[in-house]
C-alpha atoms as a PDB file:
ATOM      1  CA  MET A   1       6.053  -1.930 -30.063  1.00  0.00           C
ATOM      2  CA  SER A   2       3.814  -3.265 -27.320  1.00  0.00           C
ATOM      3  CA  LYS A   3       1.928  -1.070 -24.889  1.00  0.00           C
ATOM      4  CA  THR A   4       3.192  -0.797 -21.329  1.00  0.00           C
ATOM      5  CA  ARG A   5       0.638  -2.208 -18.885  1.00  0.00           C
ATOM      6  CA  ILE A   6       0.548  -0.008 -15.797  1.00  0.00           C
ATOM      7  CA  GLY A   7      -0.942  -1.153 -12.509  1.00  0.00           C
ATOM      8  CA  LEU A   8      -1.803   0.886  -9.456  1.00  0.00           C
ATOM      9  CA  TYR A   9      -1.618  -0.347  -5.859  1.00  0.00           C
ATOM     10  CA  PRO A  10      -3.275   2.279  -3.648  1.00  0.00           C
ATOM     11  CA  GLY A  11      -3.221   2.550   0.117  1.00  0.00           C
ATOM     12  CA  THR A  12      -2.497   4.751   3.086  1.00  0.00           C
ATOM     13  CA  PHE A  13       0.634   2.770   4.055  1.00  0.00           C
ATOM     14  CA  ASP A  14       0.686   4.190   7.582  1.00  0.00           C
ATOM     15  CA  PRO A  15       3.084   2.438   7.971  1.00  0.00           C
ATOM     16  CA  ILE A  16       3.946   0.086   5.118  1.00  0.00           C
ATOM     17  CA  THR A  17       3.907  -3.524   6.339  1.00  0.00           C
ATOM     18  CA  ASN A  18       5.343  -6.811   5.116  1.00  0.00           C
ATOM     19  CA  GLY A  19       1.820  -7.595   3.906  1.00  0.00           C
ATOM     20  CA  HIS A  20       1.922  -4.526   1.659  1.00  0.00           C
ATOM     21  CA  LEU A  21       5.375  -5.540   0.422  1.00  0.00           C
ATOM     22  CA  ASP A  22       4.061  -8.990  -0.431  1.00  0.00           C
ATOM     23  CA  ILE A  23       1.279  -7.502  -2.579  1.00  0.00           C
ATOM     24  CA  ILE A  24       3.700  -4.996  -4.165  1.00  0.00           C
ATOM     25  CA  THR A  25       6.136  -7.791  -5.072  1.00  0.00           C
ATOM     26  CA  ARG A  26       3.479 -10.053  -6.521  1.00  0.00           C
ATOM     27  CA  GLY A  27       1.541  -7.216  -8.190  1.00  0.00           C
ATOM     28  CA  ALA A  28       4.660  -5.837  -9.875  1.00  0.00           C
ATOM     29  CA  LYS A  29       5.098  -9.197 -11.611  1.00  0.00           C
ATOM     30  CA  LEU A  30       1.627  -8.901 -13.182  1.00  0.00           C
ATOM     31  CA  VAL A  31       2.220  -5.561 -14.890  1.00  0.00           C
ATOM     32  CA  ASP A  32       5.052  -3.849 -16.733  1.00  0.00           C
ATOM     33  CA  LYS A  33       5.061  -0.973 -14.262  1.00  0.00           C
ATOM     34  CA  LEU A  34       3.479  -0.706 -10.815  1.00  0.00           C
ATOM     35  CA  ILE A  35       2.662   2.606  -9.216  1.00  0.00           C
ATOM     36  CA  VAL A  36       2.326   2.434  -5.445  1.00  0.00           C
ATOM     37  CA  ALA A  37      -0.187   5.197  -4.786  1.00  0.00           C
ATOM     38  CA  VAL A  38       0.084   6.664  -1.286  1.00  0.00           C
ATOM     39  CA  ALA A  39      -3.192   8.319  -0.299  1.00  0.00           C
ATOM     40  CA  ARG A  40      -2.880  11.602   1.533  1.00  0.00           C
ATOM     41  CA  ASN A  41      -6.070  10.639   3.422  1.00  0.00           C
ATOM     42  CA  ALA A  42      -5.822  13.114   6.299  1.00  0.00           C
ATOM     43  CA  GLY A  43      -9.301  11.963   7.342  1.00  0.00           C
ATOM     44  CA  LYS A  44      -7.787   8.726   8.665  1.00  0.00           C
ATOM     45  CA  GLY A  45      -5.494  10.716  10.961  1.00  0.00           C
ATOM     46  CA  PRO A  46      -2.249   9.084   9.815  1.00  0.00           C
ATOM     47  CA  MET A  47       0.663   8.785  12.233  1.00  0.00           C
ATOM     48  CA  PHE A  48       3.132   9.674   9.470  1.00  0.00           C
ATOM     49  CA  SER A  49       2.928  12.551   6.999  1.00  0.00           C
ATOM     50  CA  THR A  50       2.379  11.832   3.330  1.00  0.00           C
ATOM     51  CA  ASP A  51       6.021  12.611   2.562  1.00  0.00           C
ATOM     52  CA  GLU A  52       7.192  10.261   5.320  1.00  0.00           C
ATOM     53  CA  ARG A  53       4.947   7.461   4.061  1.00  0.00           C
ATOM     54  CA  VAL A  54       6.170   7.934   0.476  1.00  0.00           C
ATOM     55  CA  GLU A  55       9.763   7.815   1.740  1.00  0.00           C
ATOM     56  CA  MET A  56       9.123   4.662   3.797  1.00  0.00           C
ATOM     57  CA  VAL A  57       7.594   2.898   0.777  1.00  0.00           C
ATOM     58  CA  GLN A  58      10.518   3.998  -1.411  1.00  0.00           C
ATOM     59  CA  ASP A  59      12.995   2.692   1.166  1.00  0.00           C
ATOM     60  CA  ASP A  60      11.184  -0.635   1.485  1.00  0.00           C
ATOM     61  CA  ILE A  61      10.914  -1.247  -2.276  1.00  0.00           C
ATOM     62  CA  ALA A  62      14.508  -0.273  -3.079  1.00  0.00           C
ATOM     63  CA  GLU A  63      15.605  -3.918  -3.214  1.00  0.00           C
ATOM     64  CA  LEU A  64      12.719  -4.842  -5.530  1.00  0.00           C
ATOM     65  CA  ARG A  65      13.741  -2.047  -7.884  1.00  0.00           C
ATOM     66  CA  ARG A  66      17.358  -3.252  -7.811  1.00  0.00           C
ATOM     67  CA  LYS A  67      16.033  -6.657  -8.878  1.00  0.00           C
ATOM     68  CA  GLY A  68      14.548  -5.026 -11.976  1.00  0.00           C
ATOM     69  CA  LEU A  69      10.917  -4.550 -11.011  1.00  0.00           C
ATOM     70  CA  ASP A  70       9.572  -1.259 -12.383  1.00  0.00           C
ATOM     71  CA  ILE A  71       7.923   0.301  -9.335  1.00  0.00           C
ATOM     72  CA  GLU A  72       7.216   3.975  -8.761  1.00  0.00           C
ATOM     73  CA  VAL A  73       5.816   5.621  -5.626  1.00  0.00           C
ATOM     74  CA  ARG A  74       3.494   8.629  -5.859  1.00  0.00           C
ATOM     75  CA  ALA A  75       1.192  10.448  -3.466  1.00  0.00           C
ATOM     76  CA  PHE A  76      -2.360  11.265  -4.497  1.00  0.00           C
ATOM     77  CA  ASP A  77      -5.311  13.107  -3.025  1.00  0.00           C
ATOM     78  CA  ASN A  78      -8.006  12.795  -5.663  1.00  0.00           C
ATOM     79  CA  LEU A  79     -10.489  10.139  -6.707  1.00  0.00           C
ATOM     80  CA  LEU A  80      -8.658   6.843  -7.246  1.00  0.00           C
ATOM     81  CA  VAL A  81     -10.041   6.255 -10.751  1.00  0.00           C
ATOM     82  CA  HIS A  82      -9.023   9.787 -11.759  1.00  0.00           C
ATOM     83  CA  PHE A  83      -5.519   9.192 -10.428  1.00  0.00           C
ATOM     84  CA  ALA A  84      -5.410   5.843 -12.237  1.00  0.00           C
ATOM     85  CA  ARG A  85      -6.552   7.400 -15.502  1.00  0.00           C
ATOM     86  CA  ASP A  86      -4.084  10.313 -15.160  1.00  0.00           C
ATOM     87  CA  SER A  87      -1.298   7.778 -14.491  1.00  0.00           C
ATOM     88  CA  GLY A  88      -2.202   5.626 -17.485  1.00  0.00           C
ATOM     89  CA  ALA A  89      -3.075   2.682 -15.241  1.00  0.00           C
ATOM     90  CA  GLU A  90      -5.454   0.027 -16.545  1.00  0.00           C
ATOM     91  CA  VAL A  91      -5.407  -2.136 -13.437  1.00  0.00           C
ATOM     92  CA  ILE A  92      -5.981  -1.413  -9.763  1.00  0.00           C
ATOM     93  CA  ILE A  93      -4.426  -4.055  -7.537  1.00  0.00           C
ATOM     94  CA  ARG A  94      -5.968  -4.682  -4.130  1.00  0.00           C
ATOM     95  CA  GLY A  95      -4.915  -7.104  -1.435  1.00  0.00           C
ATOM     96  CA  LEU A  96      -7.355  -9.228   0.533  1.00  0.00           C
ATOM     97  CA  ARG A  97      -6.312 -10.490   3.946  1.00  0.00           C
ATOM     98  CA  ALA A  98      -9.500 -12.159   5.113  1.00  0.00           C
ATOM     99  CA  VAL A  99     -13.133 -12.615   4.164  1.00  0.00           C
ATOM    100  CA  SER A 100     -13.911  -9.463   6.152  1.00  0.00           C
ATOM    101  CA  ASP A 101     -11.965  -7.376   3.584  1.00  0.00           C
ATOM    102  CA  PHE A 102     -13.945  -8.770   0.679  1.00  0.00           C
ATOM    103  CA  GLU A 103     -17.253  -6.938   1.107  1.00  0.00           C
ATOM    104  CA  TYR A 104     -15.666  -3.489   1.341  1.00  0.00           C
ATOM    105  CA  GLU A 105     -13.229  -4.168  -1.512  1.00  0.00           C
ATOM    106  CA  PHE A 106     -15.981  -5.659  -3.686  1.00  0.00           C
ATOM    107  CA  GLN A 107     -18.134  -2.541  -3.205  1.00  0.00           C
ATOM    108  CA  MET A 108     -15.174  -0.264  -3.924  1.00  0.00           C
ATOM    109  CA  ALA A 109     -14.319  -2.185  -7.094  1.00  0.00           C
ATOM    110  CA  ALA A 110     -17.941  -1.986  -8.260  1.00  0.00           C
ATOM    111  CA  MET A 111     -18.025   1.780  -7.697  1.00  0.00           C
ATOM    112  CA  ASN A 112     -14.716   2.238  -9.518  1.00  0.00           C
ATOM    113  CA  THR A 113     -16.058   0.212 -12.453  1.00  0.00           C
ATOM    114  CA  ARG A 114     -19.139   2.456 -12.578  1.00  0.00           C
ATOM    115  CA  LEU A 115     -16.846   5.492 -12.653  1.00  0.00           C
ATOM    116  CA  ASP A 116     -14.499   4.087 -15.314  1.00  0.00           C
ATOM    117  CA  LYS A 117     -15.245   0.838 -17.147  1.00  0.00           C
ATOM    118  CA  GLU A 118     -11.756   0.768 -18.677  1.00  0.00           C
ATOM    119  CA  ILE A 119      -9.998   0.236 -15.350  1.00  0.00           C
ATOM    120  CA  GLU A 120     -10.050  -3.309 -13.953  1.00  0.00           C
ATOM    121  CA  THR A 121      -9.596  -4.257 -10.320  1.00  0.00           C
ATOM    122  CA  VAL A 122      -7.529  -7.352  -9.537  1.00  0.00           C
ATOM    123  CA  PHE A 123      -7.568  -8.910  -6.079  1.00  0.00           C
ATOM    124  CA  LEU A 124      -4.545 -10.705  -4.670  1.00  0.00           C
ATOM    125  CA  MET A 125      -4.993 -12.874  -1.608  1.00  0.00           C
ATOM    126  CA  ALA A 126      -2.486 -12.149   1.102  1.00  0.00           C
ATOM    127  CA  SER A 127       0.158 -14.814   1.577  1.00  0.00           C
ATOM    128  CA  GLU A 128      -0.482 -17.061   4.556  1.00  0.00           C
ATOM    129  CA  ARG A 129       2.211 -15.399   6.674  1.00  0.00           C
ATOM    130  CA  GLN A 130       0.811 -11.922   5.984  1.00  0.00           C
ATOM    131  CA  GLN A 131      -2.930 -12.490   6.323  1.00  0.00           C
ATOM    132  CA  PHE A 132      -3.543 -10.741   9.612  1.00  0.00           C
ATOM    133  CA  ILE A 133      -1.062  -7.902   9.411  1.00  0.00           C
ATOM    134  CA  SER A 134      -2.602  -4.454   9.316  1.00  0.00           C
ATOM    135  CA  SER A 135      -1.029  -1.044   9.761  1.00  0.00           C
ATOM    136  CA  ARG A 136      -3.498  -0.311  12.545  1.00  0.00           C
ATOM    137  CA  PHE A 137      -2.433  -3.396  14.540  1.00  0.00           C
ATOM    138  CA  VAL A 138       1.256  -2.700  13.912  1.00  0.00           C
ATOM    139  CA  LYS A 139       0.873   0.844  15.279  1.00  0.00           C
ATOM    140  CA  GLU A 140      -1.052  -0.417  18.294  1.00  0.00           C
ATOM    141  CA  ILE A 141       1.518  -3.115  19.083  1.00  0.00           C
ATOM    142  CA  GLY A 142       4.365  -0.616  18.603  1.00  0.00           C
ATOM    143  CA  LYS A 143       2.714   1.986  20.875  1.00  0.00           C
ATOM    144  CA  LEU A 144       2.350  -0.622  23.603  1.00  0.00           C
ATOM    145  CA  GLY A 145       6.008  -1.661  23.341  1.00  0.00           C
ATOM    146  CA  GLY A 146       5.465  -4.951  21.516  1.00  0.00           C
ATOM    147  CA  ASP A 147       7.820  -6.524  18.996  1.00  0.00           C
ATOM    148  CA  ILE A 148       6.801  -5.521  15.440  1.00  0.00           C
ATOM    149  CA  SER A 149       9.899  -6.884  13.721  1.00  0.00           C
ATOM    150  CA  THR A 150       8.025  -9.693  11.963  1.00  0.00           C
ATOM    151  CA  PHE A 151       5.374  -7.309  10.599  1.00  0.00           C
ATOM    152  CA  VAL A 152       7.471  -4.510   9.063  1.00  0.00           C
ATOM    153  CA  SER A 153      10.945  -3.930   7.662  1.00  0.00           C
ATOM    154  CA  PRO A 154      13.755  -2.940  10.051  1.00  0.00           C
ATOM    155  CA  LEU A 155      13.696   0.610   8.622  1.00  0.00           C
ATOM    156  CA  THR A 156       9.979   0.985   9.202  1.00  0.00           C
ATOM    157  CA  ALA A 157      10.239  -0.548  12.687  1.00  0.00           C
ATOM    158  CA  ALA A 158      12.915   2.005  13.600  1.00  0.00           C
ATOM    159  CA  ARG A 159      10.812   4.900  12.296  1.00  0.00           C
ATOM    160  CA  LEU A 160       7.747   3.693  14.172  1.00  0.00           C
ATOM    161  CA  LYS A 161       9.741   3.256  17.377  1.00  0.00           C
ATOM    162  CA  GLU A 162      11.204   6.751  16.966  1.00  0.00           C
ATOM    163  CA  ARG A 163       7.750   8.217  16.380  1.00  0.00           C
ATOM    164  CA  VAL A 164       6.183   6.425  19.328  1.00  0.00           C
ATOM    165  CA  PHE A 165       8.925   7.526  21.722  1.00  0.00           C
ATOM    166  CA  SER A 166       9.069  11.098  20.424  1.00  0.00           C
ATOM    167  CA  ASP A 167       5.315  11.697  20.769  1.00  0.00           C
ATOM    168  CA  PRO A 168       3.830  12.108  24.241  1.00  0.00           C
ATOM    169  CA  MET A 169       1.379   9.303  24.966  1.00  0.00           C
ATOM    170  CA  ASP A 170      -2.108  10.082  26.290  1.00  0.00           C
END
């Protein structure tokens, strides 16, 4: 019996974008099981609660799961390598949108390797259509009334619109 290779794709996912979904889809094909790890990360001041972000990711990956990809969504609030080890993950998958992402991600991967040499980091370049999508830009565009439909799923767009219109703006 062969060992199940588990990968971990961590992020804040506030909100999940089509760029994230691209990396999830491609990353899930590289491992037997992919865990999408939603960071609690209150320090970033997320727009959505951890539970809401987990739910949005679960909603957006439902079709991928129906197609047979083994993807699980879990929240975490500890050191990434500890979460990876506790989850049985051997691979951390990170997406790179542009050269500007590389330095930070390279440093993070080096630190994670120092903390646990058994866990590899794999970088996936964002697909051409997804290269400049970021959750921060999507939130900004949504707050200012712009069309975000090409950046996020219809479910996520509706939740963002609901959140923007239910919160008083400064």
